[in-house]
Protein backbone atom coordinates (compact mmCIF):
# COMPACT_ATOMS: atom_id res chain seq x y z
CA UNK A 1 0.00 0.00 0.00
CA UNK A 2 2.84 2.54 0.56
CA UNK A 3 3.69 2.48 -3.17
CA UNK A 4 0.07 3.20 -4.07
CA UNK A 5 -0.03 6.20 -1.71
CA UNK A 6 3.33 7.47 -3.00
CA UNK A 7 2.19 7.25 -6.64
CA UNK A 8 -1.05 9.10 -5.95
CA UNK A 9 0.84 11.85 -4.12
CA UNK A 10 3.48 12.35 -6.82
CA UNK A 11 1.20 11.98 -9.83
CA UNK A 12 -2.22 13.55 -9.24
CA UNK A 13 -4.82 13.46 -12.01
CA UNK A 14 -5.10 16.34 -14.52
CA UNK A 15 -7.40 18.19 -12.10
CA UNK A 16 -4.85 17.94 -9.29
CA UNK A 17 -6.72 15.22 -7.37
CA UNK A 18 -4.64 12.44 -5.85
CA UNK A 19 -7.56 10.02 -5.60
CA UNK A 20 -7.91 7.26 -8.15
CA UNK A 21 -11.41 7.04 -9.57
CA UNK A 22 -11.12 3.51 -10.86
CA UNK A 23 -8.65 0.67 -10.36
CA UNK A 24 -7.31 0.70 -13.94
CA UNK A 25 -5.37 3.94 -13.57
CA UNK A 26 -1.86 3.39 -14.91
CA UNK A 27 1.45 4.92 -13.86
CA UNK A 28 4.66 5.26 -15.85
CA UNK A 29 7.78 5.10 -13.70
CA UNK A 30 11.32 5.80 -14.95
CA UNK A 31 14.10 3.25 -14.67
CA UNK A 32 15.53 5.29 -11.79
CA UNK A 33 12.20 5.15 -9.93
CA UNK A 34 11.09 8.67 -10.84
CA UNK A 35 7.32 8.99 -11.35
CA UNK A 36 6.81 10.23 -14.90
CA UNK A 37 3.15 10.22 -15.86
CA UNK A 38 -0.27 9.06 -14.78
CA UNK A 39 -2.76 7.68 -17.28
CA UNK A 40 -6.48 7.52 -16.72
CA UNK A 41 -8.32 4.17 -16.98
CA UNK A 42 -9.52 4.71 -20.53
CA UNK A 43 -5.99 5.40 -21.88
CA UNK A 44 -5.06 2.78 -24.45
CA UNK A 45 -1.79 0.83 -24.38
CA UNK A 46 -0.93 2.48 -27.72
CA UNK A 47 -1.12 5.92 -26.09
CA UNK A 48 1.23 4.79 -23.36
CA UNK A 49 3.59 3.19 -25.89
CA UNK A 50 3.97 6.59 -27.57
CA UNK A 51 5.65 7.83 -24.36
CA UNK A 52 8.25 5.05 -24.22
CA UNK A 53 10.81 5.74 -26.99
CA UNK A 54 12.21 8.85 -25.32
CA UNK A 55 12.51 7.03 -22.02
CA UNK A 56 14.14 3.94 -23.43
CA UNK A 57 16.72 5.87 -25.43
CA UNK A 58 17.41 8.51 -22.80
C-alpha atoms as a PDB file:
ATOM      1  CA  UNK A   1       0.000   0.000   0.000  1.00  0.00           C
ATOM      2  CA  UNK A   2       2.835   2.541   0.560  1.00  0.00           C
ATOM      3  CA  UNK A   3       3.694   2.483  -3.173  1.00  0.00           C
ATOM      4  CA  UNK A   4       0.072   3.204  -4.074  1.00  0.00           C
ATOM      5  CA  UNK A   5      -0.035   6.196  -1.706  1.00  0.00           C
ATOM      6  CA  UNK A   6       3.330   7.465  -3.004  1.00  0.00           C
ATOM      7  CA  UNK A   7       2.186   7.253  -6.640  1.00  0.00           C
ATOM      8  CA  UNK A   8      -1.054   9.104  -5.951  1.00  0.00           C
ATOM      9  CA  UNK A   9       0.838  11.847  -4.116  1.00  0.00           C
ATOM     10  CA  UNK A  10       3.485  12.352  -6.818  1.00  0.00           C
ATOM     11  CA  UNK A  11       1.204  11.983  -9.826  1.00  0.00           C
ATOM     12  CA  UNK A  12      -2.224  13.549  -9.238  1.00  0.00           C
ATOM     13  CA  UNK A  13      -4.823  13.458 -12.011  1.00  0.00           C
ATOM     14  CA  UNK A  14      -5.102  16.336 -14.523  1.00  0.00           C
ATOM     15  CA  UNK A  15      -7.404  18.191 -12.103  1.00  0.00           C
ATOM     16  CA  UNK A  16      -4.851  17.943  -9.294  1.00  0.00           C
ATOM     17  CA  UNK A  17      -6.717  15.223  -7.370  1.00  0.00           C
ATOM     18  CA  UNK A  18      -4.638  12.442  -5.851  1.00  0.00           C
ATOM     19  CA  UNK A  19      -7.562  10.019  -5.601  1.00  0.00           C
ATOM     20  CA  UNK A  20      -7.905   7.260  -8.146  1.00  0.00           C
ATOM     21  CA  UNK A  21     -11.414   7.036  -9.569  1.00  0.00           C
ATOM     22  CA  UNK A  22     -11.119   3.510 -10.865  1.00  0.00           C
ATOM     23  CA  UNK A  23      -8.648   0.675 -10.363  1.00  0.00           C
ATOM     24  CA  UNK A  24      -7.314   0.696 -13.940  1.00  0.00           C
ATOM     25  CA  UNK A  25      -5.371   3.941 -13.569  1.00  0.00           C
ATOM     26  CA  UNK A  26      -1.859   3.394 -14.906  1.00  0.00           C
ATOM     27  CA  UNK A  27       1.451   4.923 -13.861  1.00  0.00           C
ATOM     28  CA  UNK A  28       4.660   5.264 -15.848  1.00  0.00           C
ATOM     29  CA  UNK A  29       7.783   5.104 -13.704  1.00  0.00           C
ATOM     30  CA  UNK A  30      11.320   5.804 -14.946  1.00  0.00           C
ATOM     31  CA  UNK A  31      14.096   3.254 -14.667  1.00  0.00           C
ATOM     32  CA  UNK A  32      15.526   5.292 -11.790  1.00  0.00           C
ATOM     33  CA  UNK A  33      12.201   5.151  -9.926  1.00  0.00           C
ATOM     34  CA  UNK A  34      11.094   8.668 -10.835  1.00  0.00           C
ATOM     35  CA  UNK A  35       7.324   8.991 -11.346  1.00  0.00           C
ATOM     36  CA  UNK A  36       6.813  10.232 -14.905  1.00  0.00           C
ATOM     37  CA  UNK A  37       3.154  10.218 -15.862  1.00  0.00           C
ATOM     38  CA  UNK A  38      -0.268   9.063 -14.784  1.00  0.00           C
ATOM     39  CA  UNK A  39      -2.761   7.678 -17.276  1.00  0.00           C
ATOM     40  CA  UNK A  40      -6.485   7.519 -16.718  1.00  0.00           C
ATOM     41  CA  UNK A  41      -8.318   4.168 -16.983  1.00  0.00           C
ATOM     42  CA  UNK A  42      -9.518   4.705 -20.532  1.00  0.00           C
ATOM     43  CA  UNK A  43      -5.991   5.403 -21.875  1.00  0.00           C
ATOM     44  CA  UNK A  44      -5.057   2.777 -24.454  1.00  0.00           C
ATOM     45  CA  UNK A  45      -1.792   0.832 -24.380  1.00  0.00           C
ATOM     46  CA  UNK A  46      -0.930   2.478 -27.717  1.00  0.00           C
ATOM     47  CA  UNK A  47      -1.124   5.922 -26.094  1.00  0.00           C
ATOM     48  CA  UNK A  48       1.226   4.789 -23.359  1.00  0.00           C
ATOM     49  CA  UNK A  49       3.585   3.194 -25.892  1.00  0.00           C
ATOM     50  CA  UNK A  50       3.973   6.591 -27.574  1.00  0.00           C
ATOM     51  CA  UNK A  51       5.646   7.834 -24.363  1.00  0.00           C
ATOM     52  CA  UNK A  52       8.248   5.053 -24.225  1.00  0.00           C
ATOM     53  CA  UNK A  53      10.814   5.741 -26.992  1.00  0.00           C
ATOM     54  CA  UNK A  54      12.209   8.851 -25.318  1.00  0.00           C
ATOM     55  CA  UNK A  55      12.512   7.034 -22.018  1.00  0.00           C
ATOM     56  CA  UNK A  56      14.144   3.937 -23.430  1.00  0.00           C
ATOM     57  CA  UNK A  57      16.717   5.865 -25.432  1.00  0.00           C
ATOM     58  CA  UNK A  58      17.409   8.515 -22.803  1.00  0.00           C
END
